[in-house]
C-alpha atoms as a PDB file:
ATOM      1  CA  MET A   1     -37.708-153.290  79.487  1.00  0.00           C
ATOM      2  CA  LYS A   2     -39.177-150.934  82.160  1.00  0.00           C
ATOM      3  CA  GLY A   3     -37.896-151.958  85.559  1.00  0.00           C
ATOM      4  CA  VAL A   4     -34.873-153.618  84.248  1.00  0.00           C
ATOM      5  CA  LYS A   5     -31.104-152.104  84.549  1.00  0.00           C
ATOM      6  CA  VAL A   6     -29.633-151.695  80.995  1.00  0.00           C
ATOM      7  CA  TYR A   7     -25.679-152.680  81.098  1.00  0.00           C
ATOM      8  CA  CYS A   8     -23.632-151.805  78.539  1.00  0.00           C
ATOM      9  CA  HIS A   9     -19.670-151.695  79.818  1.00  0.00           C
ATOM     10  CA  ALA A  10     -16.763-150.635  77.366  1.00  0.00           C
ATOM     11  CA  GLY A  11     -19.434-150.039  74.831  1.00  0.00           C
ATOM     12  CA  ARG A  12     -20.599-153.813  75.178  1.00  0.00           C
ATOM     13  CA  ASN A  13     -24.514-154.280  75.431  1.00  0.00           C
ATOM     14  CA  GLY A  14     -25.319-156.301  78.329  1.00  0.00           C
ATOM     15  CA  CYS A  15     -21.737-156.528  79.712  1.00  0.00           C
ATOM     16  CA  VAL A  16     -21.987-155.689  83.485  1.00  0.00           C
ATOM     17  CA  GLN A  17     -17.875-156.119  83.958  1.00  0.00           C
ATOM     18  CA  LEU A  18     -15.027-157.169  82.166  1.00  0.00           C
ATOM     19  CA  ARG A  19     -12.033-157.961  84.162  1.00  0.00           C
ATOM     20  CA  LYS A  20      -8.511-159.779  84.226  1.00  0.00           C
ATOM     21  CA  SER A  21      -8.398-163.319  85.496  1.00  0.00           C
ATOM     22  CA  GLN A  22      -5.950-163.257  88.287  1.00  0.00           C
ATOM     23  CA  ILE A  23      -5.050-167.165  87.682  1.00  0.00           C
ATOM     24  CA  PHE A  24      -5.221-167.637  84.212  1.00  0.00           C
ATOM     25  CA  LYS A  25      -4.244-163.839  83.057  1.00  0.00           C
ATOM     26  CA  VAL A  26      -6.929-164.129  80.342  1.00  0.00           C
ATOM     27  CA  HIS A  27      -9.947-161.454  80.084  1.00  0.00           C
ATOM     28  CA  VAL A  28     -13.730-162.707  81.822  1.00  0.00           C
ATOM     29  CA  GLY A  29     -16.669-160.667  80.645  1.00  0.00           C
ATOM     30  CA  VAL A  30     -19.990-160.735  82.716  1.00  0.00           C
ATOM     31  CA  TYR A  31     -23.006-160.404  80.702  1.00  0.00           C
ATOM     32  CA  ARG A  32     -27.115-160.554  81.083  1.00  0.00           C
ATOM     33  CA  ALA A  33     -27.818-162.620  78.089  1.00  0.00           C
ATOM     34  CA  ASP A  34     -30.866-160.987  76.853  1.00  0.00           C
ATOM     35  CA  GLN A  35     -29.431-157.879  76.650  1.00  0.00           C
ATOM     36  CA  ALA A  36     -26.172-158.876  74.868  1.00  0.00           C
ATOM     37  CA  GLY A  37     -28.035-161.595  72.418  1.00  0.00           C
ATOM     38  CA  LEU A  38     -26.718-164.402  74.560  1.00  0.00           C
ATOM     39  CA  ASP A  39     -28.536-167.761  74.662  1.00  0.00           C
ATOM     40  CA  GLY A  40     -30.253-167.585  78.389  1.00  0.00           C
ATOM     41  CA  ASP A  41     -31.890-171.252  78.400  1.00  0.00           C
ATOM     42  CA  GLY A  42     -29.064-172.131  80.926  1.00  0.00           C
ATOM     43  CA  GLY A  43     -29.368-168.720  83.335  1.00  0.00           C
ATOM     44  CA  PRO A  44     -30.311-165.266  82.344  1.00  0.00           C
ATOM     45  CA  TRP A  45     -26.698-164.030  83.598  1.00  0.00           C
ATOM     46  CA  VAL A  46     -23.318-165.167  81.575  1.00  0.00           C
ATOM     47  CA  SER A  47     -19.459-165.703  81.854  1.00  0.00           C
ATOM     48  CA  ILE A  48     -17.268-165.610  78.701  1.00  0.00           C
ATOM     49  CA  CYS A  49     -13.681-166.503  78.548  1.00  0.00           C
ATOM     50  CA  GLU A  50     -13.029-163.470  76.668  1.00  0.00           C
ATOM     51  CA  ASP A  51      -9.708-165.128  75.365  1.00  0.00           C
ATOM     52  CA  HIS A  52     -11.271-168.124  74.174  1.00  0.00           C
ATOM     53  CA  GLY A  53     -14.698-168.111  73.894  1.00  0.00           C
ATOM     54  CA  ALA A  54     -16.039-170.559  76.159  1.00  0.00           C
ATOM     55  CA  VAL A  55     -19.281-169.227  77.988  1.00  0.00           C
ATOM     56  CA  CYS A  56     -20.909-170.288  80.713  1.00  0.00           C
ATOM     57  CA  ASN A  57     -24.467-169.470  82.392  1.00  0.00           C
ATOM     58  CA  HIS A  58     -25.492-169.079  85.680  1.00  0.00           C
ATOM     59  CA  ALA A  59     -28.822-168.271  87.827  1.00  0.00           C
ATOM     60  CA  THR A  60     -27.853-164.741  89.569  1.00  0.00           C
ATOM     61  CA  LEU A  61     -25.575-162.196  89.114  1.00  0.00           C
ATOM     62  CA  LYS A  62     -24.474-163.097  92.395  1.00  0.00           C
ATOM     63  CA  VAL A  63     -23.413-166.369  91.280  1.00  0.00           C
ATOM     64  CA  VAL A  64     -21.406-165.214  88.086  1.00  0.00           C
ATOM     65  CA  LEU A  65     -19.453-162.347  89.646  1.00  0.00           C
ATOM     66  CA  GLU A  66     -18.604-164.880  92.480  1.00  0.00           C
ATOM     67  CA  GLN A  67     -17.227-167.823  89.957  1.00  0.00           C
ATOM     68  CA  ALA A  68     -16.408-165.693  87.042  1.00  0.00           C
ATOM     69  CA  PRO A  69     -12.775-164.833  87.956  1.00  0.00           C
ATOM     70  CA  TRP A  70     -12.001-168.712  88.394  1.00  0.00           C
ATOM     71  CA  LEU A  71     -13.182-169.543  84.930  1.00  0.00           C
ATOM     72  CA  ASN A  72     -13.817-173.242  85.825  1.00  0.00           C
ATOM     73  CA  TRP A  73     -15.647-174.030  82.801  1.00  0.00           C
ATOM     74  CA  CYS A  74     -12.977-172.833  80.195  1.00  0.00           C
ATOM     75  CA  GLU A  75     -11.172-175.796  79.077  1.00  0.00           C
ATOM     76  CA  VAL A  76      -8.332-173.702  77.289  1.00  0.00           C
ATOM     77  CA  CYS A  77      -7.836-172.386  80.540  1.00  0.00           C
ATOM     78  CA  GLN A  78      -7.976-175.167  82.818  1.00  0.00           C
ATOM     79  CA  GLY A  79      -5.885-177.277  80.579  1.00  0.00           C
ATOM     80  CA  SER A  80      -2.986-174.696  80.668  1.00  0.00           C
ATOM     81  CA  GLN A  81      -2.746-175.081  84.724  1.00  0.00           C
END
């Protein structure tokens, strides 16, 4: 993968960052799909609710970093509001 940044945060392949959602207090991971062995058909960047396993693909890293903390794609978190 010449010219492509390789991500490996906290010993997780493809992980850009792990953080705790300020809203739901669960862990959220941001990954580069191909490096993490995840399906990239819906977009090359993936956010995961690490506590519930919900996954959402995104078109750009900027979008995933902006949307990941909101967890509006995790049905378990949304049901707990």
